[in-house]
Amino acid sequence: MTIVKGNGAPGDRSGVAAASGSGGTPGAGSRGPGSPIEFRLDAATGVPTYLQLVHQVEHALRLGYLKPGDQLPKVRDVVASLAINPNTVLKAYKELETKGLAAGRPGQGTFVQTTLSQVALPELTALRRSLSGWLTTADGAGLDADGIVALFTSALRDFYERRGGQSDRGGAASGETEGVA
């Protein structure tokens, strides 16, 4: 498993990368057994490191990259690859345990307990393909990453307001998106 720092650029998959079949970033860290996720940090967001890790696990659960029984990266691997304090990783994993999303097993690691996935993977693949086309169009129109995020966030808010309120599914419409005005 590879754990790498990300730059938050478009195509970065919101800081979540599934290691199954992706191979990760060469030379970015050591591959450990059992975890289909790699963490990326973006210092420019202003979001605390532990929350970036929590959000990435939540996103991976929503997108179906993680499922119950999957092992999260070992604390020592995250610490070595991202050069962060072990207490930061432990705080993130404790937050995931508090939310009922993960559980630690002494001497074995931290494992996913439940999923947040709402849509089957084939549907997500089709949606992702459609969204990629939209992003290509937005890029062609001259929008940079911040402009794309602003436009999408505005459209999402408008969509839920027309539906009669906030999303009952959580996520960006319920204020989970950080660093977006």
N, C-alpha and C. Protein backbone atom coordinates (compact mmCIF):
# COMPACT_ATOMS: atom_id res chain seq x y z
N MET A 1 0.84 -1.17 0.00
CA MET A 1 0.00 0.00 0.00
C MET A 1 0.88 1.23 0.00
N THR A 2 0.50 2.21 -0.76
CA THR A 2 1.25 3.45 -0.84
C THR A 2 0.43 4.56 -0.23
N ILE A 3 1.08 5.36 0.56
CA ILE A 3 0.44 6.53 1.14
C ILE A 3 1.24 7.73 0.67
N VAL A 4 0.58 8.67 -0.01
CA VAL A 4 1.30 9.77 -0.62
C VAL A 4 0.65 11.10 -0.28
N LYS A 5 1.46 12.15 -0.36
CA LYS A 5 0.91 13.49 -0.23
C LYS A 5 0.35 13.88 -1.56
N GLY A 6 -0.83 14.53 -1.55
CA GLY A 6 -1.44 14.98 -2.80
C GLY A 6 -1.40 16.49 -2.86
N ASN A 7 -1.76 17.00 -4.03
CA ASN A 7 -1.75 18.45 -4.18
C ASN A 7 -3.14 19.02 -4.31
N GLY A 8 -4.17 18.16 -4.24
CA GLY A 8 -5.54 18.64 -4.33
C GLY A 8 -5.93 19.08 -5.72
N ALA A 9 -5.11 18.73 -6.73
CA ALA A 9 -5.40 19.15 -8.10
C ALA A 9 -6.58 18.38 -8.66
N PRO A 10 -7.20 18.93 -9.70
CA PRO A 10 -8.30 18.21 -10.34
C PRO A 10 -7.83 16.83 -10.78
N GLY A 11 -8.68 15.85 -10.64
CA GLY A 11 -8.32 14.47 -10.95
C GLY A 11 -7.70 13.76 -9.77
N ASP A 12 -7.57 14.45 -8.65
CA ASP A 12 -6.96 13.90 -7.46
C ASP A 12 -7.92 13.01 -6.70
N ARG A 13 -9.13 12.82 -7.17
CA ARG A 13 -10.17 12.00 -6.56
C ARG A 13 -10.45 12.42 -5.13
N SER A 14 -10.46 13.73 -4.90
CA SER A 14 -10.78 14.32 -3.60
C SER A 14 -9.88 13.78 -2.50
N GLY A 15 -8.62 13.52 -2.83
CA GLY A 15 -7.69 13.04 -1.84
C GLY A 15 -7.78 11.57 -1.56
N VAL A 16 -8.63 10.85 -2.26
CA VAL A 16 -8.78 9.42 -2.02
C VAL A 16 -8.31 8.69 -3.26
N ALA A 17 -7.46 7.72 -3.06
CA ALA A 17 -7.05 6.89 -4.18
C ALA A 17 -7.19 5.44 -3.79
N ALA A 18 -7.87 4.70 -4.61
CA ALA A 18 -8.01 3.27 -4.37
C ALA A 18 -6.75 2.60 -4.85
N ALA A 19 -6.12 1.81 -4.00
CA ALA A 19 -4.88 1.16 -4.36
C ALA A 19 -5.10 -0.08 -5.19
N SER A 20 -6.30 -0.63 -5.19
CA SER A 20 -6.54 -1.85 -5.94
C SER A 20 -6.42 -1.57 -7.42
N GLY A 21 -5.30 -2.02 -7.97
CA GLY A 21 -5.08 -1.87 -9.39
C GLY A 21 -4.47 -0.54 -9.79
N SER A 22 -4.36 0.42 -8.89
CA SER A 22 -3.84 1.72 -9.28
C SER A 22 -2.33 1.78 -9.18
N GLY A 23 -1.75 0.99 -8.30
CA GLY A 23 -0.31 0.99 -8.16
C GLY A 23 0.22 2.16 -7.37
N GLY A 24 -0.58 3.17 -7.11
CA GLY A 24 -0.14 4.30 -6.31
C GLY A 24 0.88 5.15 -7.05
N THR A 25 1.60 5.97 -6.32
CA THR A 25 2.63 6.81 -6.88
C THR A 25 3.97 6.18 -6.63
N PRO A 26 4.76 5.92 -7.67
CA PRO A 26 6.04 5.26 -7.49
C PRO A 26 6.93 6.02 -6.54
N GLY A 27 7.55 5.29 -5.62
CA GLY A 27 8.50 5.87 -4.70
C GLY A 27 7.89 6.72 -3.62
N ALA A 28 6.58 6.77 -3.51
CA ALA A 28 5.95 7.66 -2.54
C ALA A 28 5.82 7.03 -1.17
N GLY A 29 5.99 5.73 -1.06
CA GLY A 29 5.86 5.07 0.22
C GLY A 29 5.94 3.57 0.03
N SER A 30 5.86 2.84 1.13
CA SER A 30 5.93 1.39 1.01
C SER A 30 4.53 0.81 0.91
N ARG A 31 4.38 -0.22 0.12
CA ARG A 31 3.08 -0.86 -0.04
C ARG A 31 2.91 -1.86 1.10
N GLY A 32 1.86 -1.68 1.88
CA GLY A 32 1.57 -2.58 2.99
C GLY A 32 0.40 -3.47 2.63
N PRO A 33 0.27 -4.60 3.27
CA PRO A 33 -0.79 -5.53 2.92
C PRO A 33 -2.16 -5.08 3.41
N GLY A 34 -3.17 -5.34 2.62
CA GLY A 34 -4.53 -5.27 3.11
C GLY A 34 -5.29 -3.98 3.02
N SER A 35 -4.68 -2.87 2.60
CA SER A 35 -5.45 -1.63 2.57
C SER A 35 -5.63 -1.11 1.16
N PRO A 36 -6.89 -0.94 0.74
CA PRO A 36 -7.16 -0.44 -0.60
C PRO A 36 -7.27 1.08 -0.69
N ILE A 37 -6.62 1.80 0.21
CA ILE A 37 -6.71 3.27 0.20
C ILE A 37 -5.33 3.85 0.42
N GLU A 38 -5.09 4.97 -0.21
CA GLU A 38 -3.88 5.73 0.07
C GLU A 38 -4.32 7.13 0.46
N PHE A 39 -3.63 7.71 1.44
CA PHE A 39 -3.98 9.04 1.91
C PHE A 39 -3.15 10.09 1.20
N ARG A 40 -3.76 11.24 1.00
CA ARG A 40 -3.09 12.40 0.42
C ARG A 40 -3.40 13.60 1.32
N LEU A 41 -2.39 14.44 1.51
CA LEU A 41 -2.59 15.64 2.32
C LEU A 41 -2.45 16.87 1.45
N ASP A 42 -3.25 17.88 1.76
CA ASP A 42 -3.18 19.16 1.06
C ASP A 42 -3.12 20.26 2.11
N ALA A 43 -1.93 20.78 2.34
CA ALA A 43 -1.73 21.82 3.35
C ALA A 43 -2.45 23.11 2.98
N ALA A 44 -2.73 23.31 1.70
CA ALA A 44 -3.36 24.55 1.25
C ALA A 44 -4.82 24.68 1.68
N THR A 45 -5.46 23.58 2.07
CA THR A 45 -6.89 23.65 2.40
C THR A 45 -7.15 24.31 3.75
N GLY A 46 -6.19 24.24 4.65
CA GLY A 46 -6.41 24.76 5.99
C GLY A 46 -7.17 23.79 6.88
N VAL A 47 -7.53 22.63 6.35
CA VAL A 47 -8.25 21.61 7.12
C VAL A 47 -7.22 20.83 7.93
N PRO A 48 -7.48 20.62 9.23
CA PRO A 48 -6.53 19.86 10.05
C PRO A 48 -6.23 18.49 9.44
N THR A 49 -5.00 18.06 9.59
CA THR A 49 -4.54 16.82 8.98
C THR A 49 -5.42 15.64 9.37
N TYR A 50 -5.77 15.51 10.66
CA TYR A 50 -6.56 14.36 11.08
C TYR A 50 -7.92 14.35 10.39
N LEU A 51 -8.50 15.55 10.18
CA LEU A 51 -9.80 15.62 9.50
C LEU A 51 -9.67 15.29 8.01
N GLN A 52 -8.55 15.63 7.40
CA GLN A 52 -8.34 15.24 6.02
C GLN A 52 -8.35 13.71 5.90
N LEU A 53 -7.71 13.03 6.85
CA LEU A 53 -7.70 11.57 6.84
C LEU A 53 -9.11 11.01 7.04
N VAL A 54 -9.85 11.58 8.00
CA VAL A 54 -11.23 11.14 8.26
C VAL A 54 -12.09 11.34 7.02
N HIS A 55 -12.02 12.52 6.42
CA HIS A 55 -12.83 12.81 5.23
C HIS A 55 -12.49 11.88 4.07
N GLN A 56 -11.22 11.54 3.93
CA GLN A 56 -10.83 10.65 2.84
C GLN A 56 -11.38 9.25 3.04
N VAL A 57 -11.39 8.78 4.27
CA VAL A 57 -11.99 7.46 4.54
C VAL A 57 -13.50 7.53 4.27
N GLU A 58 -14.15 8.59 4.73
CA GLU A 58 -15.59 8.74 4.48
C GLU A 58 -15.90 8.78 2.99
N HIS A 59 -15.09 9.51 2.23
CA HIS A 59 -15.30 9.58 0.78
C HIS A 59 -15.10 8.21 0.15
N ALA A 60 -14.07 7.49 0.58
CA ALA A 60 -13.82 6.15 0.04
C ALA A 60 -14.97 5.21 0.36
N LEU A 61 -15.57 5.36 1.53
CA LEU A 61 -16.73 4.55 1.90
C LEU A 61 -17.93 4.90 1.03
N ARG A 62 -18.15 6.19 0.79
CA ARG A 62 -19.28 6.62 -0.03
C ARG A 62 -19.15 6.16 -1.47
N LEU A 63 -17.92 6.12 -1.96
CA LEU A 63 -17.68 5.76 -3.35
C LEU A 63 -17.49 4.25 -3.55
N GLY A 64 -17.53 3.51 -2.46
CA GLY A 64 -17.41 2.07 -2.58
C GLY A 64 -16.00 1.56 -2.71
N TYR A 65 -14.99 2.41 -2.50
CA TYR A 65 -13.60 1.97 -2.55
C TYR A 65 -13.24 1.15 -1.31
N LEU A 66 -13.91 1.42 -0.21
CA LEU A 66 -13.72 0.66 1.02
C LEU A 66 -15.01 -0.05 1.37
N LYS A 67 -14.88 -1.22 1.94
CA LYS A 67 -16.05 -1.99 2.37
C LYS A 67 -15.75 -2.59 3.72
N PRO A 68 -16.79 -3.04 4.43
CA PRO A 68 -16.56 -3.63 5.75
C PRO A 68 -15.54 -4.76 5.68
N GLY A 69 -14.62 -4.73 6.63
CA GLY A 69 -13.57 -5.74 6.70
C GLY A 69 -12.25 -5.27 6.13
N ASP A 70 -12.27 -4.22 5.31
CA ASP A 70 -11.02 -3.70 4.75
C ASP A 70 -10.17 -3.08 5.86
N GLN A 71 -8.88 -3.27 5.76
CA GLN A 71 -7.97 -2.69 6.74
C GLN A 71 -7.53 -1.31 6.30
N LEU A 72 -7.55 -0.36 7.22
CA LEU A 72 -7.02 0.97 6.96
C LEU A 72 -5.49 0.88 7.07
N PRO A 73 -4.80 1.84 6.47
CA PRO A 73 -3.33 1.82 6.56
C PRO A 73 -2.87 1.79 8.02
N LYS A 74 -1.81 1.06 8.26
CA LYS A 74 -1.26 1.00 9.62
C LYS A 74 -0.70 2.36 9.99
N VAL A 75 -0.85 2.71 11.26
CA VAL A 75 -0.41 4.02 11.75
C VAL A 75 1.04 4.26 11.38
N ARG A 76 1.90 3.27 11.59
CA ARG A 76 3.33 3.48 11.32
C ARG A 76 3.59 3.75 9.83
N ASP A 77 2.80 3.15 8.94
CA ASP A 77 2.96 3.40 7.51
C ASP A 77 2.55 4.81 7.14
N VAL A 78 1.45 5.28 7.72
CA VAL A 78 0.99 6.65 7.46
C VAL A 78 2.02 7.64 7.97
N VAL A 79 2.51 7.41 9.18
CA VAL A 79 3.49 8.30 9.80
C VAL A 79 4.76 8.37 8.95
N ALA A 80 5.25 7.22 8.52
CA ALA A 80 6.49 7.18 7.74
C ALA A 80 6.33 7.84 6.38
N SER A 81 5.21 7.64 5.74
CA SER A 81 5.03 8.15 4.38
C SER A 81 4.65 9.62 4.33
N LEU A 82 3.86 10.08 5.29
CA LEU A 82 3.40 11.47 5.27
C LEU A 82 4.19 12.39 6.19
N ALA A 83 5.09 11.80 6.98
CA ALA A 83 5.89 12.58 7.93
C ALA A 83 5.00 13.39 8.87
N ILE A 84 4.03 12.70 9.47
CA ILE A 84 3.15 13.34 10.44
C ILE A 84 3.27 12.61 11.77
N ASN A 85 2.77 13.24 12.80
CA ASN A 85 2.82 12.69 14.15
C ASN A 85 1.88 11.49 14.28
N PRO A 86 2.32 10.42 14.94
CA PRO A 86 1.44 9.26 15.13
C PRO A 86 0.14 9.61 15.84
N ASN A 87 0.17 10.59 16.74
CA ASN A 87 -1.04 10.98 17.45
C ASN A 87 -2.09 11.56 16.49
N THR A 88 -1.65 12.16 15.39
CA THR A 88 -2.57 12.70 14.39
C THR A 88 -3.35 11.56 13.74
N VAL A 89 -2.65 10.51 13.37
CA VAL A 89 -3.29 9.35 12.74
C VAL A 89 -4.20 8.66 13.75
N LEU A 90 -3.72 8.52 14.98
CA LEU A 90 -4.54 7.89 16.02
C LEU A 90 -5.81 8.71 16.28
N LYS A 91 -5.70 10.03 16.25
CA LYS A 91 -6.88 10.89 16.44
C LYS A 91 -7.88 10.67 15.31
N ALA A 92 -7.40 10.57 14.09
CA ALA A 92 -8.29 10.33 12.94
C ALA A 92 -8.98 8.98 13.09
N TYR A 93 -8.23 7.95 13.43
CA TYR A 93 -8.82 6.61 13.57
C TYR A 93 -9.80 6.56 14.73
N LYS A 94 -9.50 7.30 15.81
CA LYS A 94 -10.41 7.37 16.94
C LYS A 94 -11.72 8.04 16.53
N GLU A 95 -11.63 9.08 15.71
CA GLU A 95 -12.82 9.77 15.20
C GLU A 95 -13.66 8.81 14.36
N LEU A 96 -13.00 8.01 13.54
CA LEU A 96 -13.72 7.02 12.72
C LEU A 96 -14.39 5.97 13.60
N GLU A 97 -13.73 5.59 14.69
CA GLU A 97 -14.33 4.64 15.63
C GLU A 97 -15.53 5.25 16.32
N THR A 98 -15.41 6.53 16.72
CA THR A 98 -16.52 7.23 17.38
C THR A 98 -17.74 7.30 16.46
N LYS A 99 -17.50 7.46 15.18
CA LYS A 99 -18.59 7.52 14.20
C LYS A 99 -19.12 6.13 13.84
N GLY A 100 -18.48 5.09 14.37
CA GLY A 100 -18.92 3.73 14.10
C GLY A 100 -18.49 3.21 12.73
N LEU A 101 -17.55 3.89 12.11
CA LEU A 101 -17.12 3.50 10.77
C LEU A 101 -15.96 2.51 10.78
N ALA A 102 -15.18 2.50 11.86
CA ALA A 102 -14.01 1.64 11.94
C ALA A 102 -13.84 1.14 13.36
N ALA A 103 -13.06 0.08 13.50
CA ALA A 103 -12.75 -0.45 14.83
C ALA A 103 -11.31 -0.96 14.84
N GLY A 104 -10.63 -0.65 15.92
CA GLY A 104 -9.26 -1.13 16.08
C GLY A 104 -9.24 -2.53 16.65
N ARG A 105 -8.31 -3.32 16.15
CA ARG A 105 -8.07 -4.66 16.69
C ARG A 105 -6.64 -4.69 17.19
N PRO A 106 -6.46 -4.82 18.51
CA PRO A 106 -5.11 -4.78 19.08
C PRO A 106 -4.16 -5.73 18.36
N GLY A 107 -3.02 -5.17 17.96
CA GLY A 107 -1.99 -5.95 17.30
C GLY A 107 -2.25 -6.25 15.83
N GLN A 108 -3.42 -5.88 15.33
CA GLN A 108 -3.75 -6.18 13.93
C GLN A 108 -3.93 -4.92 13.08
N GLY A 109 -4.54 -3.89 13.64
CA GLY A 109 -4.77 -2.67 12.89
C GLY A 109 -6.18 -2.16 13.06
N THR A 110 -6.58 -1.26 12.18
CA THR A 110 -7.91 -0.67 12.20
C THR A 110 -8.66 -1.12 10.95
N PHE A 111 -9.90 -1.56 11.16
CA PHE A 111 -10.67 -2.15 10.08
C PHE A 111 -12.01 -1.44 9.91
N VAL A 112 -12.46 -1.36 8.67
CA VAL A 112 -13.75 -0.74 8.35
C VAL A 112 -14.86 -1.60 8.92
N GLN A 113 -15.84 -0.96 9.56
CA GLN A 113 -16.97 -1.66 10.17
C GLN A 113 -18.24 -1.59 9.33
N THR A 114 -18.42 -0.47 8.64
CA THR A 114 -19.66 -0.25 7.89
C THR A 114 -19.35 0.55 6.64
N THR A 115 -20.32 0.71 5.79
CA THR A 115 -20.13 1.46 4.56
C THR A 115 -21.07 2.66 4.52
N LEU A 116 -20.72 3.63 3.72
CA LEU A 116 -21.59 4.79 3.51
C LEU A 116 -22.07 4.82 2.06
N SER A 117 -21.73 3.80 1.31
CA SER A 117 -22.07 3.75 -0.11
C SER A 117 -23.58 3.72 -0.28
N GLN A 118 -24.07 4.55 -1.19
CA GLN A 118 -25.50 4.66 -1.41
C GLN A 118 -25.90 4.18 -2.81
N VAL A 119 -24.91 4.06 -3.68
CA VAL A 119 -25.16 3.71 -5.07
C VAL A 119 -24.21 2.58 -5.44
N ALA A 120 -24.67 1.65 -6.28
CA ALA A 120 -23.84 0.55 -6.72
C ALA A 120 -22.68 1.06 -7.56
N LEU A 121 -21.56 0.34 -7.53
CA LEU A 121 -20.36 0.75 -8.23
C LEU A 121 -20.57 0.98 -9.73
N PRO A 122 -21.33 0.15 -10.45
CA PRO A 122 -21.55 0.43 -11.88
C PRO A 122 -22.24 1.78 -12.11
N GLU A 123 -23.18 2.13 -11.23
CA GLU A 123 -23.83 3.44 -11.35
C GLU A 123 -22.84 4.57 -11.07
N LEU A 124 -21.97 4.36 -10.08
CA LEU A 124 -20.96 5.37 -9.79
C LEU A 124 -20.02 5.56 -10.96
N THR A 125 -19.68 4.47 -11.62
CA THR A 125 -18.79 4.54 -12.78
C THR A 125 -19.42 5.37 -13.89
N ALA A 126 -20.69 5.14 -14.16
CA ALA A 126 -21.39 5.92 -15.20
C ALA A 126 -21.48 7.39 -14.79
N LEU A 127 -21.78 7.66 -13.53
CA LEU A 127 -21.85 9.04 -13.06
C LEU A 127 -20.49 9.72 -13.15
N ARG A 128 -19.44 8.99 -12.79
CA ARG A 128 -18.08 9.54 -12.86
C ARG A 128 -17.72 9.88 -14.31
N ARG A 129 -18.08 9.01 -15.25
CA ARG A 129 -17.80 9.23 -16.67
C ARG A 129 -18.53 10.51 -17.13
N SER A 130 -19.79 10.64 -16.73
CA SER A 130 -20.57 11.82 -17.09
C SER A 130 -19.96 13.08 -16.49
N LEU A 131 -19.57 13.00 -15.25
CA LEU A 131 -18.95 14.14 -14.57
C LEU A 131 -17.62 14.51 -15.22
N SER A 132 -16.86 13.51 -15.65
CA SER A 132 -15.59 13.78 -16.33
C SER A 132 -15.82 14.57 -17.62
N GLY A 133 -16.88 14.22 -18.33
CA GLY A 133 -17.23 14.97 -19.53
C GLY A 133 -17.58 16.41 -19.21
N TRP A 134 -18.35 16.60 -18.14
CA TRP A 134 -18.72 17.95 -17.71
C TRP A 134 -17.47 18.74 -17.32
N LEU A 135 -16.53 18.09 -16.61
CA LEU A 135 -15.30 18.76 -16.20
C LEU A 135 -14.47 19.18 -17.41
N THR A 136 -14.44 18.33 -18.42
CA THR A 136 -13.71 18.66 -19.65
C THR A 136 -14.33 19.90 -20.30
N THR A 137 -15.65 19.96 -20.33
CA THR A 137 -16.35 21.11 -20.89
C THR A 137 -16.06 22.37 -20.08
N ALA A 138 -16.09 22.25 -18.75
CA ALA A 138 -15.82 23.40 -17.88
C ALA A 138 -14.39 23.88 -18.06
N ASP A 139 -13.46 22.96 -18.18
CA ASP A 139 -12.06 23.31 -18.40
C ASP A 139 -11.91 24.01 -19.75
N GLY A 140 -12.58 23.49 -20.76
CA GLY A 140 -12.54 24.09 -22.09
C GLY A 140 -13.14 25.49 -22.12
N ALA A 141 -14.07 25.75 -21.20
CA ALA A 141 -14.68 27.08 -21.12
C ALA A 141 -13.78 28.06 -20.38
N GLY A 142 -12.66 27.57 -19.83
CA GLY A 142 -11.70 28.46 -19.18
C GLY A 142 -11.76 28.48 -17.67
N LEU A 143 -12.59 27.64 -17.06
CA LEU A 143 -12.64 27.62 -15.60
C LEU A 143 -11.42 26.91 -15.03
N ASP A 144 -10.85 27.48 -13.97
CA ASP A 144 -9.78 26.79 -13.26
C ASP A 144 -10.41 25.92 -12.18
N ALA A 145 -9.61 25.21 -11.40
CA ALA A 145 -10.12 24.30 -10.38
C ALA A 145 -11.04 25.00 -9.40
N ASP A 146 -10.66 26.19 -8.94
CA ASP A 146 -11.50 26.92 -7.98
C ASP A 146 -12.83 27.33 -8.61
N GLY A 147 -12.80 27.74 -9.88
CA GLY A 147 -14.03 28.11 -10.58
C GLY A 147 -14.95 26.93 -10.75
N ILE A 148 -14.38 25.77 -11.06
CA ILE A 148 -15.17 24.55 -11.22
C ILE A 148 -15.83 24.18 -9.90
N VAL A 149 -15.06 24.23 -8.81
CA VAL A 149 -15.61 23.91 -7.49
C VAL A 149 -16.71 24.88 -7.12
N ALA A 150 -16.49 26.18 -7.37
CA ALA A 150 -17.50 27.19 -7.04
C ALA A 150 -18.79 26.97 -7.84
N LEU A 151 -18.65 26.69 -9.13
CA LEU A 151 -19.82 26.46 -9.97
C LEU A 151 -20.57 25.20 -9.52
N PHE A 152 -19.85 24.13 -9.29
CA PHE A 152 -20.49 22.89 -8.86
C PHE A 152 -21.18 23.06 -7.52
N THR A 153 -20.50 23.70 -6.56
CA THR A 153 -21.08 23.90 -5.23
C THR A 153 -22.34 24.75 -5.31
N SER A 154 -22.31 25.79 -6.12
CA SER A 154 -23.48 26.64 -6.29
C SER A 154 -24.64 25.85 -6.91
N ALA A 155 -24.35 25.07 -7.95
CA ALA A 155 -25.39 24.27 -8.59
C ALA A 155 -25.96 23.23 -7.64
N LEU A 156 -25.10 22.65 -6.82
CA LEU A 156 -25.56 21.64 -5.85
C LEU A 156 -26.48 22.27 -4.81
N ARG A 157 -26.09 23.43 -4.31
CA ARG A 157 -26.96 24.13 -3.34
C ARG A 157 -28.30 24.47 -3.96
N ASP A 158 -28.27 25.00 -5.19
CA ASP A 158 -29.52 25.34 -5.89
C ASP A 158 -30.40 24.11 -6.07
N PHE A 159 -29.78 23.00 -6.43
CA PHE A 159 -30.51 21.74 -6.64
C PHE A 159 -31.26 21.33 -5.36
N TYR A 160 -30.57 21.36 -4.24
CA TYR A 160 -31.22 20.94 -2.99
C TYR A 160 -32.22 21.96 -2.49
N GLU A 161 -31.99 23.23 -2.77
CA GLU A 161 -32.99 24.24 -2.39
C GLU A 161 -34.27 24.03 -3.18
N ARG A 162 -34.15 23.72 -4.47
CA ARG A 162 -35.34 23.44 -5.29
C ARG A 162 -36.06 22.19 -4.82
N ARG A 163 -35.33 21.24 -4.28
CA ARG A 163 -35.94 20.01 -3.77
C ARG A 163 -36.62 20.25 -2.43
N GLY A 164 -36.46 21.41 -1.87
CA GLY A 164 -37.15 21.72 -0.62
C GLY A 164 -36.28 21.59 0.61
N GLY A 165 -35.01 21.80 0.48
CA GLY A 165 -34.16 21.77 1.66
C GLY A 165 -32.86 21.06 1.41
N GLN A 166 -32.19 20.80 2.50
CA GLN A 166 -30.88 20.16 2.45
C GLN A 166 -30.99 18.70 2.04
N SER A 167 -29.88 18.18 1.58
CA SER A 167 -29.81 16.76 1.22
C SER A 167 -29.95 15.91 2.46
N ASP A 168 -30.68 14.81 2.35
CA ASP A 168 -30.77 13.88 3.47
C ASP A 168 -29.65 12.86 3.43
N ARG A 169 -28.74 13.01 2.46
CA ARG A 169 -27.65 12.05 2.30
C ARG A 169 -26.34 12.56 2.87
N GLY A 170 -26.29 13.78 3.36
CA GLY A 170 -25.03 14.31 3.87
C GLY A 170 -24.20 14.85 2.73
N GLY A 171 -22.89 15.00 2.99
CA GLY A 171 -21.99 15.45 1.95
C GLY A 171 -21.97 16.95 1.83
N ALA A 172 -21.66 17.42 0.64
CA ALA A 172 -21.45 18.84 0.42
C ALA A 172 -22.69 19.67 0.74
N ALA A 173 -23.85 19.15 0.46
CA ALA A 173 -25.07 19.94 0.70
C ALA A 173 -25.36 20.11 2.18
N SER A 174 -24.76 19.27 3.01
CA SER A 174 -24.99 19.42 4.45
C SER A 174 -23.81 20.08 5.14
N GLY A 175 -22.98 20.77 4.36
CA GLY A 175 -21.89 21.53 4.94
C GLY A 175 -20.64 20.72 5.16
N GLU A 176 -20.53 19.52 4.61
CA GLU A 176 -19.35 18.71 4.84
C GLU A 176 -18.16 19.17 4.01
N THR A 177 -18.39 19.84 2.90
CA THR A 177 -17.30 20.28 2.06
C THR A 177 -16.57 21.40 2.76
N GLU A 178 -15.28 21.24 2.90
CA GLU A 178 -14.49 22.21 3.60
C GLU A 178 -13.76 23.10 2.62
N GLY A 179 -13.55 24.34 3.00
CA GLY A 179 -12.78 25.25 2.20
C GLY A 179 -13.49 25.73 0.94
N VAL A 180 -14.79 25.59 0.84
CA VAL A 180 -15.52 26.05 -0.32
C VAL A 180 -16.53 27.07 0.12
N ALA A 181 -16.48 28.25 -0.49
CA ALA A 181 -17.42 29.31 -0.10
C ALA A 181 -18.74 29.16 -0.80
